[in-house]
C-alpha atoms as a PDB file:
ATOM      1  CA  MET A   1      -0.102  -0.141   0.477  1.00  0.00           C
ATOM      2  CA  LYS A   2       1.270   3.263  -1.084  1.00  0.00           C
ATOM      3  CA  PHE A   3       0.449   7.000  -0.322  1.00  0.00           C
ATOM      4  CA  VAL A   4       0.997   9.058  -3.572  1.00  0.00           C
ATOM      5  CA  LYS A   5       0.321  12.750  -4.844  1.00  0.00           C
ATOM      6  CA  LEU A   6      -2.391  12.086  -8.062  1.00  0.00           C
ATOM      7  CA  ASP A   7      -1.406  11.368 -10.989  1.00  0.00           C
ATOM      8  CA  THR A   8      -3.350  12.711 -13.531  1.00  0.00           C
ATOM      9  CA  ASN A   9      -1.853  11.319 -16.119  1.00  0.00           C
ATOM     10  CA  LYS A  10      -1.553   7.763 -14.656  1.00  0.00           C
ATOM     11  CA  HIS A  11      -4.373   7.589 -12.167  1.00  0.00           C
ATOM     12  CA  ASP A  12      -8.049   7.467 -12.808  1.00  0.00           C
ATOM     13  CA  LEU A  13      -9.640  10.400 -12.584  1.00  0.00           C
ATOM     14  CA  ASN A  14     -13.296   9.219 -13.070  1.00  0.00           C
ATOM     15  CA  LYS A  15     -13.037   7.089 -10.385  1.00  0.00           C
ATOM     16  CA  VAL A  16     -11.087   9.850  -7.678  1.00  0.00           C
ATOM     17  CA  SER A  17     -14.141  12.476  -9.200  1.00  0.00           C
ATOM     18  CA  GLU A  18     -16.867   9.201  -7.857  1.00  0.00           C
ATOM     19  CA  LEU A  19     -14.959   9.052  -4.690  1.00  0.00           C
ATOM     20  CA  ILE A  20     -15.142  12.933  -4.172  1.00  0.00           C
ATOM     21  CA  TYR A  21     -18.659  13.057  -5.228  1.00  0.00           C
ATOM     22  CA  GLU A  22     -19.967  10.367  -2.376  1.00  0.00           C
ATOM     23  CA  THR A  23     -18.326  12.164   0.292  1.00  0.00           C
ATOM     24  CA  GLU A  24     -19.726  15.723  -0.257  1.00  0.00           C
ATOM     25  CA  LEU A  25     -22.911  16.312   1.491  1.00  0.00           C
ATOM     26  CA  THR A  26     -26.148  16.665  -0.291  1.00  0.00           C
ATOM     27  CA  ILE A  27     -26.425  20.014  -0.454  1.00  0.00           C
ATOM     28  CA  PHE A  28     -22.853  20.709  -1.921  1.00  0.00           C
ATOM     29  CA  LYS A  29     -24.103  18.121  -4.560  1.00  0.00           C
ATOM     30  CA  HIS A  30     -26.658  20.527  -5.972  1.00  0.00           C
ATOM     31  CA  LEU A  31     -23.818  22.836  -6.580  1.00  0.00           C
ATOM     32  CA  LEU A  32     -21.812  21.101  -8.779  1.00  0.00           C
ATOM     33  CA  GLY A  33     -24.421  19.589 -11.349  1.00  0.00           C
ATOM     34  CA  LYS A  34     -27.910  18.793 -12.597  1.00  0.00           C
ATOM     35  CA  ASP A  35     -27.371  14.888 -11.717  1.00  0.00           C
ATOM     36  CA  GLU A  36     -24.287  12.980 -10.956  1.00  0.00           C
ATOM     37  CA  LYS A  37     -23.257  12.341 -13.892  1.00  0.00           C
ATOM     38  CA  ASN A  38     -22.940  16.073 -14.821  1.00  0.00           C
ATOM     39  CA  ALA A  39     -21.442  16.637 -11.146  1.00  0.00           C
ATOM     40  CA  THR A  40     -18.878  14.122 -11.316  1.00  0.00           C
ATOM     41  CA  GLU A  41     -17.605  15.382 -15.034  1.00  0.00           C
ATOM     42  CA  ASN A  42     -17.504  18.761 -13.361  1.00  0.00           C
ATOM     43  CA  ILE A  43     -15.285  17.584 -10.415  1.00  0.00           C
ATOM     44  CA  LYS A  44     -13.579  16.063 -13.083  1.00  0.00           C
ATOM     45  CA  ASN A  45     -12.473  19.169 -14.855  1.00  0.00           C
ATOM     46  CA  LEU A  46     -11.979  20.750 -11.659  1.00  0.00           C
ATOM     47  CA  VAL A  47      -9.465  18.112 -11.221  1.00  0.00           C
ATOM     48  CA  GLU A  48      -7.753  18.603 -13.740  1.00  0.00           C
ATOM     49  CA  LEU A  49      -7.297  22.039 -14.241  1.00  0.00           C
ATOM     50  CA  GLY A  50      -5.993  22.465 -10.464  1.00  0.00           C
ATOM     51  CA  ASN A  51      -5.577  25.885  -8.687  1.00  0.00           C
ATOM     52  CA  ASN A  52      -8.902  25.304  -6.572  1.00  0.00           C
ATOM     53  CA  TYR A  53     -10.451  23.233  -3.989  1.00  0.00           C
ATOM     54  CA  PHE A  54     -10.795  20.105  -5.830  1.00  0.00           C
ATOM     55  CA  GLY A  55      -7.739  20.644  -7.933  1.00  0.00           C
ATOM     56  CA  HIS A  56      -5.382  18.080  -8.322  1.00  0.00           C
ATOM     57  CA  GLU A  57      -2.372  19.456  -6.506  1.00  0.00           C
ATOM     58  CA  ASN A  58      -4.442  19.044  -3.277  1.00  0.00           C
ATOM     59  CA  ILE A  59      -4.923  15.148  -3.907  1.00  0.00           C
ATOM     60  CA  HIS A  60      -3.639  12.123  -2.658  1.00  0.00           C
ATOM     61  CA  VAL A  61      -4.375   8.584  -3.320  1.00  0.00           C
ATOM     62  CA  VAL A  62      -4.071   5.504  -1.966  1.00  0.00           C
ATOM     63  CA  ILE A  63      -3.106   2.664  -4.381  1.00  0.00           C
ATOM     64  CA  ASP A  64      -1.826  -1.672  -3.876  1.00  0.00           C
ATOM     65  CA  GLY A  65       0.668  -3.461  -5.715  1.00  0.00           C
ATOM     66  CA  ASN A  66      -1.155  -3.433  -8.943  1.00  0.00           C
ATOM     67  CA  GLU A  67      -1.788   0.408  -9.117  1.00  0.00           C
ATOM     68  CA  ASP A  68      -5.590  -0.265  -7.775  1.00  0.00           C
ATOM     69  CA  MET A  69      -6.568   3.004  -6.290  1.00  0.00           C
ATOM     70  CA  MET A  70      -7.752   1.956  -2.795  1.00  0.00           C
ATOM     71  CA  GLY A  71      -8.916   5.397  -1.139  1.00  0.00           C
ATOM     72  CA  ILE A  72      -8.464   9.214  -1.855  1.00  0.00           C
ATOM     73  CA  LEU A  73      -7.755  12.597   0.496  1.00  0.00           C
ATOM     74  CA  VAL A  74      -7.924  16.030  -1.048  1.00  0.00           C
ATOM     75  CA  SER A  75      -6.179  18.298   1.796  1.00  0.00           C
ATOM     76  CA  PHE A  76      -4.570  21.594   1.482  1.00  0.00           C
ATOM     77  CA  SER A  77      -2.953  24.078   4.720  1.00  0.00           C
ATOM     78  CA  GLY A  78      -4.371  27.478   5.343  1.00  0.00           C
ATOM     79  CA  ARG A  79      -1.391  29.105   2.727  1.00  0.00           C
ATOM     80  CA  GLU A  80      -2.866  27.082  -0.313  1.00  0.00           C
ATOM     81  CA  THR A  81      -6.415  27.689  -0.993  1.00  0.00           C
ATOM     82  CA  SER A  82      -8.089  30.470  -1.795  1.00  0.00           C
ATOM     83  CA  LEU A  83     -11.782  31.539  -2.508  1.00  0.00           C
ATOM     84  CA  TRP A  84     -10.697  33.780  -5.323  1.00  0.00           C
ATOM     85  CA  ASN A  85      -8.723  31.287  -7.186  1.00  0.00           C
ATOM     86  CA  ASP A  86     -11.370  28.920  -6.771  1.00  0.00           C
ATOM     87  CA  LEU A  87     -14.366  31.271  -8.392  1.00  0.00           C
ATOM     88  CA  LYS A  88     -12.394  31.682 -11.143  1.00  0.00           C
ATOM     89  CA  VAL A  89     -11.621  28.073 -12.132  1.00  0.00           C
ATOM     90  CA  TYR A  90     -15.569  27.444 -11.530  1.00  0.00           C
ATOM     91  CA  PHE A  91     -16.448  30.093 -13.365  1.00  0.00           C
ATOM     92  CA  LYS A  92     -14.392  28.194 -16.583  1.00  0.00           C
ATOM     93  CA  VAL A  93     -16.066  24.814 -15.421  1.00  0.00           C
ATOM     94  CA  LEU A  94     -19.164  24.790 -14.353  1.00  0.00           C
ATOM     95  CA  ASN A  95     -22.147  27.077 -15.998  1.00  0.00           C
ATOM     96  CA  PHE A  96     -23.139  30.117 -15.596  1.00  0.00           C
ATOM     97  CA  TYR A  97     -26.272  29.333 -13.043  1.00  0.00           C
ATOM     98  CA  ASN A  98     -24.249  26.676 -11.260  1.00  0.00           C
ATOM     99  CA  PHE A  99     -21.247  29.102 -10.986  1.00  0.00           C
ATOM    100  CA  LEU A 100     -23.426  31.540  -9.157  1.00  0.00           C
ATOM    101  CA  LYS A 101     -24.676  28.800  -7.066  1.00  0.00           C
ATOM    102  CA  CYS A 102     -21.221  28.032  -6.470  1.00  0.00           C
ATOM    103  CA  ALA A 103     -20.298  31.790  -5.875  1.00  0.00           C
ATOM    104  CA  VAL A 104     -23.340  32.577  -3.479  1.00  0.00           C
ATOM    105  CA  LYS A 105     -24.707  29.612  -1.773  1.00  0.00           C
ATOM    106  CA  GLY A 106     -21.459  27.606  -1.928  1.00  0.00           C
ATOM    107  CA  THR A 107     -19.561  30.504  -0.354  1.00  0.00           C
ATOM    108  CA  LEU A 108     -22.320  30.642   2.081  1.00  0.00           C
ATOM    109  CA  ILE A 109     -22.562  26.756   3.215  1.00  0.00           C
ATOM    110  CA  ASN A 110     -18.503  26.668   3.285  1.00  0.00           C
ATOM    111  CA  LYS A 111     -18.798  29.661   6.234  1.00  0.00           C
ATOM    112  CA  SER A 112     -21.436  27.810   8.027  1.00  0.00           C
ATOM    113  CA  LEU A 113     -20.389  24.139   7.843  1.00  0.00           C
ATOM    114  CA  THR A 114     -17.092  23.479   7.917  1.00  0.00           C
ATOM    115  CA  ALA A 115     -14.296  24.520   9.948  1.00  0.00           C
ATOM    116  CA  SER A 116     -12.628  28.346   9.913  1.00  0.00           C
ATOM    117  CA  LEU A 117      -9.142  27.532   8.204  1.00  0.00           C
ATOM    118  CA  GLY A 118      -5.746  29.678   9.622  1.00  0.00           C
ATOM    119  CA  LYS A 119      -2.099  29.569   7.823  1.00  0.00           C
ATOM    120  CA  ASP A 120      -0.850  27.549   9.817  1.00  0.00           C
ATOM    121  CA  ASP A 121      -3.885  24.789   9.756  1.00  0.00           C
ATOM    122  CA  TYR A 122      -4.487  21.483   7.481  1.00  0.00           C
ATOM    123  CA  TYR A 123      -7.384  20.623   6.078  1.00  0.00           C
ATOM    124  CA  LEU A 124      -8.759  17.516   5.307  1.00  0.00           C
ATOM    125  CA  SER A 125     -11.201  18.121   3.309  1.00  0.00           C
ATOM    126  CA  ASN A 126     -12.194  14.544   1.689  1.00  0.00           C
ATOM    127  CA  ILE A 127     -11.185  11.386   2.327  1.00  0.00           C
ATOM    128  CA  ALA A 128     -12.878   8.029   0.603  1.00  0.00           C
ATOM    129  CA  VAL A 129     -12.260   4.841   0.799  1.00  0.00           C
ATOM    130  CA  ASP A 130     -13.492   2.617  -2.669  1.00  0.00           C
ATOM    131  CA  PRO A 131     -16.273   0.509  -1.024  1.00  0.00           C
ATOM    132  CA  GLN A 132     -14.781  -2.911  -1.804  1.00  0.00           C
ATOM    133  CA  TYR A 133     -11.468  -1.873   0.184  1.00  0.00           C
ATOM    134  CA  ARG A 134     -13.523  -1.363   3.356  1.00  0.00           C
ATOM    135  CA  GLY A 135     -12.517  -2.786   6.737  1.00  0.00           C
ATOM    136  CA  GLN A 136      -9.073  -2.803   5.802  1.00  0.00           C
ATOM    137  CA  GLY A 137      -7.376   0.159   7.508  1.00  0.00           C
ATOM    138  CA  ILE A 138      -7.565   2.538   4.889  1.00  0.00           C
ATOM    139  CA  GLY A 139      -9.080   5.110   6.440  1.00  0.00           C
ATOM    140  CA  THR A 140      -6.367   5.483   9.112  1.00  0.00           C
ATOM    141  CA  TYR A 141      -3.987   4.344   7.022  1.00  0.00           C
ATOM    142  CA  ILE A 142      -4.917   8.170   5.082  1.00  0.00           C
ATOM    143  CA  LEU A 143      -5.050   9.552   8.321  1.00  0.00           C
ATOM    144  CA  LYS A 144      -1.537   9.080   9.101  1.00  0.00           C
ATOM    145  CA  ASN A 145       0.228  10.574   6.382  1.00  0.00           C
ATOM    146  CA  ALA A 146      -2.168  13.574   6.444  1.00  0.00           C
ATOM    147  CA  VAL A 147      -0.754  14.026   9.769  1.00  0.00           C
ATOM    148  CA  LYS A 148       2.784  13.412   8.621  1.00  0.00           C
ATOM    149  CA  THR A 149       2.255  15.835   5.324  1.00  0.00           C
ATOM    150  CA  ALA A 150       0.905  18.643   7.786  1.00  0.00           C
ATOM    151  CA  GLU A 151       4.303  18.190   9.811  1.00  0.00           C
ATOM    152  CA  ASP A 152       6.576  18.043   6.830  1.00  0.00           C
ATOM    153  CA  LYS A 153       4.486  21.540   5.517  1.00  0.00           C
ATOM    154  CA  GLY A 154       5.061  23.139   9.171  1.00  0.00           C
ATOM    155  CA  CYS A 155       1.181  23.208  10.333  1.00  0.00           C
ATOM    156  CA  ARG A 156      -0.071  23.378  13.541  1.00  0.00           C
ATOM    157  CA  ARG A 157      -3.281  21.125  13.239  1.00  0.00           C
ATOM    158  CA  VAL A 158      -4.958  18.880  11.634  1.00  0.00           C
ATOM    159  CA  LEU A 159      -8.675  20.162  10.899  1.00  0.00           C
ATOM    160  CA  LEU A 160     -11.781  18.580   9.575  1.00  0.00           C
ATOM    161  CA  ASP A 161     -15.386  18.251   9.479  1.00  0.00           C
ATOM    162  CA  VAL A 162     -17.924  14.938   9.656  1.00  0.00           C
ATOM    163  CA  THR A 163     -21.948  15.074   9.640  1.00  0.00           C
ATOM    164  CA  PHE A 164     -23.935  14.203  13.068  1.00  0.00           C
ATOM    165  CA  LYS A 165     -25.190  11.144  10.872  1.00  0.00           C
ATOM    166  CA  ASN A 166     -21.511  10.005  10.141  1.00  0.00           C
ATOM    167  CA  LYS A 167     -21.050   8.274  13.451  1.00  0.00           C
ATOM    168  CA  GLY A 168     -18.719   5.543  12.277  1.00  0.00           C
ATOM    169  CA  ALA A 169     -16.435   8.322  10.941  1.00  0.00           C
ATOM    170  CA  LYS A 170     -16.956  10.303  14.128  1.00  0.00           C
ATOM    171  CA  ARG A 171     -15.484   7.260  15.842  1.00  0.00           C
ATOM    172  CA  LEU A 172     -12.464   6.356  13.689  1.00  0.00           C
ATOM    173  CA  TYR A 173     -11.377  10.066  14.184  1.00  0.00           C
ATOM    174  CA  GLU A 174     -11.889  10.161  17.558  1.00  0.00           C
ATOM    175  CA  ARG A 175      -9.890   6.677  17.750  1.00  0.00           C
ATOM    176  CA  PHE A 176      -7.019   8.401  15.988  1.00  0.00           C
ATOM    177  CA  GLY A 177      -6.894  11.181  18.210  1.00  0.00           C
ATOM    178  CA  PHE A 178      -9.243  14.061  16.948  1.00  0.00           C
ATOM    179  CA  LYS A 179     -11.225  16.105  19.247  1.00  0.00           C
ATOM    180  CA  VAL A 180     -14.949  17.633  18.402  1.00  0.00           C
ATOM    181  CA  TYR A 181     -13.855  21.567  19.147  1.00  0.00           C
ATOM    182  CA  SER A 182     -16.760  22.942  17.220  1.00  0.00           C
ATOM    183  CA  LYS A 183     -20.469  22.302  16.901  1.00  0.00           C
ATOM    184  CA  ASN A 184     -22.031  23.454  13.090  1.00  0.00           C
ATOM    185  CA  THR A 185     -25.944  23.670  13.204  1.00  0.00           C
ATOM    186  CA  PRO A 186     -26.607  26.458  10.571  1.00  0.00           C
ATOM    187  CA  LYS A 187     -30.727  27.399  10.889  1.00  0.00           C
ATOM    188  CA  LEU A 188     -30.294  28.029   6.931  1.00  0.00           C
ATOM    189  CA  PHE A 189     -29.337  24.283   6.274  1.00  0.00           C
ATOM    190  CA  LYS A 190     -31.805  22.238   8.541  1.00  0.00           C
ATOM    191  CA  GLY A 191     -30.848  18.867   9.039  1.00  0.00           C
ATOM    192  CA  HIS A 192     -27.346  19.544   7.774  1.00  0.00           C
ATOM    193  CA  GLY A 193     -24.892  19.577  10.694  1.00  0.00           C
ATOM    194  CA  THR A 194     -21.356  19.115  11.074  1.00  0.00           C
ATOM    195  CA  LEU A 195     -18.553  18.731  14.284  1.00  0.00           C
ATOM    196  CA  SER A 196     -15.536  20.522  13.280  1.00  0.00           C
ATOM    197  CA  MET A 197     -12.369  18.099  14.914  1.00  0.00           C
ATOM    198  CA  GLU A 198      -8.740  18.684  15.463  1.00  0.00           C
ATOM    199  CA  TYR A 199      -5.767  17.114  15.510  1.00  0.00           C
ATOM    200  CA  LEU A 200      -2.864  19.273  17.593  1.00  0.00           C
ATOM    201  CA  LEU A 201       0.351  18.636  16.002  1.00  0.00           C
ATOM    202  CA  HIS A 202       2.444  21.025  18.609  1.00  0.00           C
END
């Protein structure tokens, strides 16, 4: 098993896009396209173009000895993300209606449901394990490598958000050492609450 940077010329971007799509909240999914096929195609384009939230430079993949993809991680430090860059790339990929939804509603959702990111924070945006490889410790393997990456970048905290409903993921993060430090229950998005969790490095 290896944890490596995504190579757009080598790795299966369709699979990467599908795994990212499955990790997104329902309200985020609606911003990325009119249906699953359209949304995953848009995510794939965002991955390929780079310089955005889902850009290839922010993605690591877990592969086995046969180069089969077992899981993915989308992550970045507070120094490596820019809302302005995201919007410029989204404008190229999304139709005008979806772009407006992302620019207005998407920004509002992000502020309401995700952790506030400082320059010395490292954020785990999307963690996914392919269904056929679940139960093999790959989630923990991704977390270990994410923490090492954060340390290499000189970050002080690793942050992530988990939905109230995803109790299995919350247990995994707690076993690893993450602690809840904030509860996000925006009135505007009823039924879509998240817990912000942190893992302190220093």
